[in-house]
Amino acid sequence: MKTTLELSDELFRQAKAHASAGGISLKIFVTEALEMKLRAQSPGQLKPWIRHFGALRHLGSERKKIERRIAEEFDSVDSKEWK
């Protein structure tokens, strides 16, 4: 698949230089870099603080109640403002 990436001039020069020094094309260099990044971010290797957010999953219903209440209040304020 083809895509377009917008990189800073400095990042492009560094990537191109690393690819050239390794004797590979920029396409291969970018592909390998993305693959490495994605492997490093696999679910088994999440940062410790991210794993703990799952412990707060039970608060999802509370959050929805709060959001509903806020929306009701905004609707109330809006309707009073226009009367």
PDB file of N, CA and C in Angstrom:
ATOM      1  N   MET A   1       0.840  -1.173   0.000  1.00  0.00           N
ATOM      2  CA  MET A   1       0.000   0.000   0.000  1.00  0.00           C
ATOM      3  C   MET A   1       0.885   1.235   0.000  1.00  0.00           C
ATOM      4  N   LYS A   2       0.489   2.194  -0.765  1.00  0.00           N
ATOM      5  CA  LYS A   2       1.243   3.445  -0.808  1.00  0.00           C
ATOM      6  C   LYS A   2       0.574   4.457   0.111  1.00  0.00           C
ATOM      7  N   THR A   3       1.394   5.288   0.725  1.00  0.00           N
ATOM      8  CA  THR A   3       0.876   6.356   1.573  1.00  0.00           C
ATOM      9  C   THR A   3       1.837   7.525   1.530  1.00  0.00           C
ATOM     10  N   THR A   4       1.392   8.642   2.033  1.00  0.00           N
ATOM     11  CA  THR A   4       2.235   9.823   2.093  1.00  0.00           C
ATOM     12  C   THR A   4       2.460  10.172   3.548  1.00  0.00           C
ATOM     13  N   LEU A   5       3.702  10.415   3.905  1.00  0.00           N
ATOM     14  CA  LEU A   5       4.045  10.820   5.266  1.00  0.00           C
ATOM     15  C   LEU A   5       4.638  12.212   5.216  1.00  0.00           C
ATOM     16  N   GLU A   6       4.308  13.013   6.193  1.00  0.00           N
ATOM     17  CA  GLU A   6       4.894  14.335   6.288  1.00  0.00           C
ATOM     18  C   GLU A   6       5.892  14.312   7.446  1.00  0.00           C
ATOM     19  N   LEU A   7       7.157  14.490   7.116  1.00  0.00           N
ATOM     20  CA  LEU A   7       8.230  14.463   8.111  1.00  0.00           C
ATOM     21  C   LEU A   7       8.958  15.795   8.101  1.00  0.00           C
ATOM     22  N   SER A   8       9.527  16.127   9.235  1.00  0.00           N
ATOM     23  CA  SER A   8      10.358  17.333   9.253  1.00  0.00           C
ATOM     24  C   SER A   8      11.585  17.069   8.390  1.00  0.00           C
ATOM     25  N   ASP A   9      12.192  18.119   7.885  1.00  0.00           N
ATOM     26  CA  ASP A   9      13.386  17.961   7.052  1.00  0.00           C
ATOM     27  C   ASP A   9      14.480  17.222   7.808  1.00  0.00           C
ATOM     28  N   GLU A  10      14.669  17.572   9.077  1.00  0.00           N
ATOM     29  CA  GLU A  10      15.717  16.948   9.886  1.00  0.00           C
ATOM     30  C   GLU A  10      15.463  15.459  10.086  1.00  0.00           C
ATOM     31  N   LEU A  11      14.227  15.090  10.403  1.00  0.00           N
ATOM     32  CA  LEU A  11      13.902  13.672  10.592  1.00  0.00           C
ATOM     33  C   LEU A  11      14.095  12.907   9.290  1.00  0.00           C
ATOM     34  N   PHE A  12      13.681  13.500   8.184  1.00  0.00           N
ATOM     35  CA  PHE A  12      13.866  12.854   6.885  1.00  0.00           C
ATOM     36  C   PHE A  12      15.346  12.622   6.600  1.00  0.00           C
ATOM     37  N   ARG A  13      16.164  13.646   6.839  1.00  0.00           N
ATOM     38  CA  ARG A  13      17.613  13.505   6.587  1.00  0.00           C
ATOM     39  C   ARG A  13      18.220  12.415   7.459  1.00  0.00           C
ATOM     40  N   GLN A  14      17.826  12.375   8.723  1.00  0.00           N
ATOM     41  CA  GLN A  14      18.360  11.353   9.627  1.00  0.00           C
ATOM     42  C   GLN A  14      17.941   9.957   9.192  1.00  0.00           C
ATOM     43  N   ALA A  15      16.676   9.797   8.841  1.00  0.00           N
ATOM     44  CA  ALA A  15      16.185   8.486   8.405  1.00  0.00           C
ATOM     45  C   ALA A  15      16.881   8.056   7.120  1.00  0.00           C
ATOM     46  N   LYS A  16      17.003   8.963   6.183  1.00  0.00           N
ATOM     47  CA  LYS A  16      17.669   8.666   4.911  1.00  0.00           C
ATOM     48  C   LYS A  16      19.127   8.282   5.144  1.00  0.00           C
ATOM     49  N   ALA A  17      19.808   9.005   6.040  1.00  0.00           N
ATOM     50  CA  ALA A  17      21.210   8.712   6.333  1.00  0.00           C
ATOM     51  C   ALA A  17      21.358   7.342   6.987  1.00  0.00           C
ATOM     52  N   HIS A  18      20.468   7.017   7.940  1.00  0.00           N
ATOM     53  CA  HIS A  18      20.535   5.703   8.595  1.00  0.00           C
ATOM     54  C   HIS A  18      20.263   4.575   7.601  1.00  0.00           C
ATOM     55  N   ALA A  19      19.287   4.797   6.742  1.00  0.00           N
ATOM     56  CA  ALA A  19      18.974   3.782   5.734  1.00  0.00           C
ATOM     57  C   ALA A  19      20.164   3.578   4.817  1.00  0.00           C
ATOM     58  N   SER A  20      20.742   4.654   4.362  1.00  0.00           N
ATOM     59  CA  SER A  20      21.890   4.582   3.456  1.00  0.00           C
ATOM     60  C   SER A  20      23.075   3.892   4.128  1.00  0.00           C
ATOM     61  N   ALA A  21      23.315   4.254   5.400  1.00  0.00           N
ATOM     62  CA  ALA A  21      24.437   3.642   6.129  1.00  0.00           C
ATOM     63  C   ALA A  21      24.224   2.141   6.304  1.00  0.00           C
ATOM     64  N   GLY A  22      22.968   1.733   6.386  1.00  0.00           N
ATOM     65  CA  GLY A  22      22.666   0.314   6.525  1.00  0.00           C
ATOM     66  C   GLY A  22      22.538  -0.395   5.200  1.00  0.00           C
ATOM     67  N   GLY A  23      22.683   0.345   4.119  1.00  0.00           N
ATOM     68  CA  GLY A  23      22.604  -0.253   2.788  1.00  0.00           C
ATOM     69  C   GLY A  23      21.204  -0.678   2.392  1.00  0.00           C
ATOM     70  N   ILE A  24      20.200   0.011   2.940  1.00  0.00           N
ATOM     71  CA  ILE A  24      18.813  -0.333   2.614  1.00  0.00           C
ATOM     72  C   ILE A  24      18.088   0.925   2.132  1.00  0.00           C
ATOM     73  N   SER A  25      16.955   0.704   1.506  1.00  0.00           N
ATOM     74  CA  SER A  25      16.166   1.843   1.024  1.00  0.00           C
ATOM     75  C   SER A  25      15.433   2.498   2.192  1.00  0.00           C
ATOM     76  N   LEU A  26      15.012   3.717   1.970  1.00  0.00           N
ATOM     77  CA  LEU A  26      14.239   4.429   2.984  1.00  0.00           C
ATOM     78  C   LEU A  26      12.934   3.685   3.253  1.00  0.00           C
ATOM     79  N   LYS A  27      12.342   3.108   2.213  1.00  0.00           N
ATOM     80  CA  LYS A  27      11.101   2.344   2.360  1.00  0.00           C
ATOM     81  C   LYS A  27      11.298   1.191   3.335  1.00  0.00           C
ATOM     82  N   ILE A  28      12.364   0.441   3.166  1.00  0.00           N
ATOM     83  CA  ILE A  28      12.637  -0.686   4.063  1.00  0.00           C
ATOM     84  C   ILE A  28      12.943  -0.183   5.471  1.00  0.00           C
ATOM     85  N   PHE A  29      13.717   0.899   5.564  1.00  0.00           N
ATOM     86  CA  PHE A  29      14.052   1.460   6.866  1.00  0.00           C
ATOM     87  C   PHE A  29      12.792   1.860   7.637  1.00  0.00           C
ATOM     88  N   VAL A  30      11.880   2.568   6.973  1.00  0.00           N
ATOM     89  CA  VAL A  30      10.647   3.019   7.627  1.00  0.00           C
ATOM     90  C   VAL A  30       9.775   1.823   7.994  1.00  0.00           C
ATOM     91  N   THR A  31       9.669   0.846   7.102  1.00  0.00           N
ATOM     92  CA  THR A  31       8.876  -0.354   7.378  1.00  0.00           C
ATOM     93  C   THR A  31       9.411  -1.073   8.612  1.00  0.00           C
ATOM     94  N   GLU A  32      10.739  -1.267   8.675  1.00  0.00           N
ATOM     95  CA  GLU A  32      11.333  -1.945   9.824  1.00  0.00           C
ATOM     96  C   GLU A  32      11.140  -1.141  11.109  1.00  0.00           C
ATOM     97  N   ALA A  33      11.265   0.175  11.013  1.00  0.00           N
ATOM     98  CA  ALA A  33      11.091   1.027  12.198  1.00  0.00           C
ATOM     99  C   ALA A  33       9.652   0.916  12.723  1.00  0.00           C
ATOM    100  N   LEU A  34       8.679   0.933  11.827  1.00  0.00           N
ATOM    101  CA  LEU A  34       7.283   0.801  12.245  1.00  0.00           C
ATOM    102  C   LEU A  34       7.016  -0.572  12.845  1.00  0.00           C
ATOM    103  N   GLU A  35       7.563  -1.609  12.234  1.00  0.00           N
ATOM    104  CA  GLU A  35       7.381  -2.959  12.770  1.00  0.00           C
ATOM    105  C   GLU A  35       7.968  -3.075  14.176  1.00  0.00           C
ATOM    106  N   MET A  36       9.157  -2.506  14.379  1.00  0.00           N
ATOM    107  CA  MET A  36       9.792  -2.543  15.704  1.00  0.00           C
ATOM    108  C   MET A  36       8.935  -1.796  16.722  1.00  0.00           C
ATOM    109  N   LYS A  37       8.429  -0.647  16.356  1.00  0.00           N
ATOM    110  CA  LYS A  37       7.607   0.153  17.260  1.00  0.00           C
ATOM    111  C   LYS A  37       6.326  -0.588  17.626  1.00  0.00           C
ATOM    112  N   LEU A  38       5.705  -1.213  16.655  1.00  0.00           N
ATOM    113  CA  LEU A  38       4.467  -1.943  16.907  1.00  0.00           C
ATOM    114  C   LEU A  38       4.708  -3.176  17.778  1.00  0.00           C
ATOM    115  N   ARG A  39       5.807  -3.867  17.556  1.00  0.00           N
ATOM    116  CA  ARG A  39       6.150  -5.012  18.410  1.00  0.00           C
ATOM    117  C   ARG A  39       6.397  -4.564  19.839  1.00  0.00           C
ATOM    118  N   ALA A  40       7.072  -3.452  20.010  1.00  0.00           N
ATOM    119  CA  ALA A  40       7.394  -2.943  21.342  1.00  0.00           C
ATOM    120  C   ALA A  40       6.131  -2.525  22.082  1.00  0.00           C
ATOM    121  N   GLN A  41       5.072  -2.208  21.369  1.00  0.00           N
ATOM    122  CA  GLN A  41       3.841  -1.749  21.989  1.00  0.00           C
ATOM    123  C   GLN A  41       2.788  -2.858  22.058  1.00  0.00           C
ATOM    124  N   SER A  42       3.212  -4.114  21.914  1.00  0.00           N
ATOM    125  CA  SER A  42       2.245  -5.205  21.975  1.00  0.00           C
ATOM    126  C   SER A  42       1.622  -5.257  23.370  1.00  0.00           C
ATOM    127  N   PRO A  43       0.390  -5.777  23.490  1.00  0.00           N
ATOM    128  CA  PRO A  43      -0.319  -5.763  24.768  1.00  0.00           C
ATOM    129  C   PRO A  43       0.466  -6.355  25.938  1.00  0.00           C
ATOM    130  N   GLY A  44       1.297  -7.334  25.680  1.00  0.00           N
ATOM    131  CA  GLY A  44       2.076  -7.937  26.756  1.00  0.00           C
ATOM    132  C   GLY A  44       3.166  -7.017  27.272  1.00  0.00           C
ATOM    133  N   GLN A  45       3.463  -5.955  26.553  1.00  0.00           N
ATOM    134  CA  GLN A  45       4.550  -5.074  26.939  1.00  0.00           C
ATOM    135  C   GLN A  45       4.077  -3.644  27.184  1.00  0.00           C
ATOM    136  N   LEU A  46       2.856  -3.496  27.638  1.00  0.00           N
ATOM    137  CA  LEU A  46       2.346  -2.163  27.919  1.00  0.00           C
ATOM    138  C   LEU A  46       3.089  -1.561  29.104  1.00  0.00           C
ATOM    139  N   LYS A  47       3.141  -0.268  29.115  1.00  0.00           N
ATOM    140  CA  LYS A  47       3.751   0.422  30.239  1.00  0.00           C
ATOM    141  C   LYS A  47       2.945   0.092  31.494  1.00  0.00           C
ATOM    142  N   PRO A  48       3.593  -0.058  32.639  1.00  0.00           N
ATOM    143  CA  PRO A  48       2.888  -0.475  33.858  1.00  0.00           C
ATOM    144  C   PRO A  48       1.688   0.398  34.204  1.00  0.00           C
ATOM    145  N   TRP A  49       1.801   1.699  34.029  1.00  0.00           N
ATOM    146  CA  TRP A  49       0.688   2.562  34.410  1.00  0.00           C
ATOM    147  C   TRP A  49      -0.532   2.342  33.541  1.00  0.00           C
ATOM    148  N   ILE A  50      -0.347   1.864  32.304  1.00  0.00           N
ATOM    149  CA  ILE A  50      -1.482   1.620  31.417  1.00  0.00           C
ATOM    150  C   ILE A  50      -2.278   0.412  31.898  1.00  0.00           C
ATOM    151  N   ARG A  51      -1.575  -0.628  32.383  1.00  0.00           N
ATOM    152  CA  ARG A  51      -2.259  -1.835  32.852  1.00  0.00           C
ATOM    153  C   ARG A  51      -3.223  -1.524  33.987  1.00  0.00           C
ATOM    154  N   HIS A  52      -2.901  -0.572  34.824  1.00  0.00           N
ATOM    155  CA  HIS A  52      -3.724  -0.277  35.989  1.00  0.00           C
ATOM    156  C   HIS A  52      -5.037   0.399  35.643  1.00  0.00           C
ATOM    157  N   PHE A  53      -5.135   0.999  34.478  1.00  0.00           N
ATOM    158  CA  PHE A  53      -6.388   1.634  34.108  1.00  0.00           C
ATOM    159  C   PHE A  53      -7.508   0.614  33.928  1.00  0.00           C
ATOM    160  N   GLY A  54      -7.170  -0.619  33.618  1.00  0.00           N
ATOM    161  CA  GLY A  54      -8.176  -1.666  33.518  1.00  0.00           C
ATOM    162  C   GLY A  54      -8.878  -1.894  34.843  1.00  0.00           C
ATOM    163  N   ALA A  55      -8.184  -1.603  35.940  1.00  0.00           N
ATOM    164  CA  ALA A  55      -8.777  -1.763  37.260  1.00  0.00           C
ATOM    165  C   ALA A  55      -9.884  -0.742  37.502  1.00  0.00           C
ATOM    166  N   LEU A  56      -9.941   0.292  36.704  1.00  0.00           N
ATOM    167  CA  LEU A  56     -10.963   1.334  36.860  1.00  0.00           C
ATOM    168  C   LEU A  56     -12.153   1.119  35.928  1.00  0.00           C
ATOM    169  N   ARG A  57     -12.167  -0.010  35.252  1.00  0.00           N
ATOM    170  CA  ARG A  57     -13.214  -0.287  34.262  1.00  0.00           C
ATOM    171  C   ARG A  57     -14.610  -0.199  34.877  1.00  0.00           C
ATOM    172  N   HIS A  58     -14.742  -0.615  36.138  1.00  0.00           N
ATOM    173  CA  HIS A  58     -16.051  -0.610  36.793  1.00  0.00           C
ATOM    174  C   HIS A  58     -16.631   0.799  36.931  1.00  0.00           C
ATOM    175  N   LEU A  59     -15.810   1.819  36.763  1.00  0.00           N
ATOM    176  CA  LEU A  59     -16.283   3.192  36.884  1.00  0.00           C
ATOM    177  C   LEU A  59     -16.916   3.706  35.591  1.00  0.00           C
ATOM    178  N   GLY A  60     -16.919   2.895  34.562  1.00  0.00           N
ATOM    179  CA  GLY A  60     -17.491   3.310  33.281  1.00  0.00           C
ATOM    180  C   GLY A  60     -18.947   3.722  33.406  1.00  0.00           C
ATOM    181  N   SER A  61     -19.740   2.961  34.164  1.00  0.00           N
ATOM    182  CA  SER A  61     -21.154   3.308  34.323  1.00  0.00           C
ATOM    183  C   SER A  61     -21.305   4.609  35.109  1.00  0.00           C
ATOM    184  N   GLU A  62     -20.443   4.818  36.081  1.00  0.00           N
ATOM    185  CA  GLU A  62     -20.480   6.075  36.845  1.00  0.00           C
ATOM    186  C   GLU A  62     -20.145   7.263  35.942  1.00  0.00           C
ATOM    187  N   ARG A  63     -19.145   7.083  35.102  1.00  0.00           N
ATOM    188  CA  ARG A  63     -18.762   8.144  34.170  1.00  0.00           C
ATOM    189  C   ARG A  63     -19.929   8.481  33.254  1.00  0.00           C
ATOM    190  N   LYS A  64     -20.634   7.466  32.769  1.00  0.00           N
ATOM    191  CA  LYS A  64     -21.778   7.705  31.880  1.00  0.00           C
ATOM    192  C   LYS A  64     -22.884   8.464  32.607  1.00  0.00           C
ATOM    193  N   LYS A  65     -23.111   8.125  33.882  1.00  0.00           N
ATOM    194  CA  LYS A  65     -24.119   8.849  34.667  1.00  0.00           C
ATOM    195  C   LYS A  65     -23.730  10.319  34.803  1.00  0.00           C
ATOM    196  N   ILE A  66     -22.464  10.564  35.076  1.00  0.00           N
ATOM    197  CA  ILE A  66     -21.974  11.938  35.233  1.00  0.00           C
ATOM    198  C   ILE A  66     -22.118  12.700  33.923  1.00  0.00           C
ATOM    199  N   GLU A  67     -21.743  12.066  32.814  1.00  0.00           N
ATOM    200  CA  GLU A  67     -21.864  12.720  31.510  1.00  0.00           C
ATOM    201  C   GLU A  67     -23.316  13.044  31.187  1.00  0.00           C
ATOM    202  N   ARG A  68     -24.237  12.117  31.510  1.00  0.00           N
ATOM    203  CA  ARG A  68     -25.658  12.365  31.280  1.00  0.00           C
ATOM    204  C   ARG A  68     -26.143  13.558  32.108  1.00  0.00           C
ATOM    205  N   ARG A  69     -25.721  13.602  33.365  1.00  0.00           N
ATOM    206  CA  ARG A  69     -26.129  14.690  34.257  1.00  0.00           C
ATOM    207  C   ARG A  69     -25.600  16.040  33.752  1.00  0.00           C
ATOM    208  N   ILE A  70     -24.364  16.051  33.306  1.00  0.00           N
ATOM    209  CA  ILE A  70     -23.777  17.279  32.755  1.00  0.00           C
ATOM    210  C   ILE A  70     -24.555  17.722  31.521  1.00  0.00           C
ATOM    211  N   ALA A  71     -24.870  16.778  30.638  1.00  0.00           N
ATOM    212  CA  ALA A  71     -25.630  17.108  29.426  1.00  0.00           C
ATOM    213  C   ALA A  71     -26.995  17.679  29.792  1.00  0.00           C
ATOM    214  N   GLU A  72     -27.657  17.085  30.817  1.00  0.00           N
ATOM    215  CA  GLU A  72     -28.955  17.588  31.252  1.00  0.00           C
ATOM    216  C   GLU A  72     -28.832  19.025  31.757  1.00  0.00           C
ATOM    217  N   GLU A  73     -27.791  19.298  32.526  1.00  0.00           N
ATOM    218  CA  GLU A  73     -27.592  20.641  33.061  1.00  0.00           C
ATOM    219  C   GLU A  73     -27.337  21.647  31.943  1.00  0.00           C
ATOM    220  N   PHE A  74     -26.522  21.259  30.966  1.00  0.00           N
ATOM    221  CA  PHE A  74     -26.264  22.157  29.845  1.00  0.00           C
ATOM    222  C   PHE A  74     -27.548  22.415  29.060  1.00  0.00           C
ATOM    223  N   ASP A  75     -28.355  21.365  28.867  1.00  0.00           N
ATOM    224  CA  ASP A  75     -29.628  21.544  28.170  1.00  0.00           C
ATOM    225  C   ASP A  75     -30.524  22.498  28.948  1.00  0.00           C
ATOM    226  N   SER A  76     -30.531  22.363  30.273  1.00  0.00           N
ATOM    227  CA  SER A  76     -31.339  23.218  31.130  1.00  0.00           C
ATOM    228  C   SER A  76     -30.886  24.674  31.024  1.00  0.00           C
ATOM    229  N   VAL A  77     -29.595  24.887  31.073  1.00  0.00           N
ATOM    230  CA  VAL A  77     -29.043  26.249  30.965  1.00  0.00           C
ATOM    231  C   VAL A  77     -29.356  26.819  29.595  1.00  0.00           C
ATOM    232  N   ASP A  78     -29.173  26.036  28.553  1.00  0.00           N
ATOM    233  CA  ASP A  78     -29.447  26.506  27.203  1.00  0.00           C
ATOM    234  C   ASP A  78     -30.909  26.894  27.029  1.00  0.00           C
ATOM    235  N   SER A  79     -31.822  26.066  27.566  1.00  0.00           N
ATOM    236  CA  SER A  79     -33.248  26.353  27.371  1.00  0.00           C
ATOM    237  C   SER A  79     -33.649  27.597  28.170  1.00  0.00           C
ATOM    238  N   LYS A  80     -33.075  27.812  29.360  1.00  0.00           N
ATOM    239  CA  LYS A  80     -33.376  29.000  30.162  1.00  0.00           C
ATOM    240  C   LYS A  80     -32.839  30.257  29.478  1.00  0.00           C
ATOM    241  N   GLU A  81     -31.691  30.131  28.849  1.00  0.00           N
ATOM    242  CA  GLU A  81     -31.047  31.270  28.207  1.00  0.00           C
ATOM    243  C   GLU A  81     -31.878  31.796  27.045  1.00  0.00           C
ATOM    244  N   TRP A  82     -32.591  30.917  26.366  1.00  0.00           N
ATOM    245  CA  TRP A  82     -33.315  31.305  25.169  1.00  0.00           C
ATOM    246  C   TRP A  82     -34.774  31.669  25.423  1.00  0.00           C
ATOM    247  N   LYS A  83     -35.197  31.620  26.657  1.00  0.00           N
ATOM    248  CA  LYS A  83     -36.606  31.959  26.951  1.00  0.00           C
ATOM    249  C   LYS A  83     -36.781  33.433  27.074  1.00  0.00           C
TER     250      LYS A  83
END
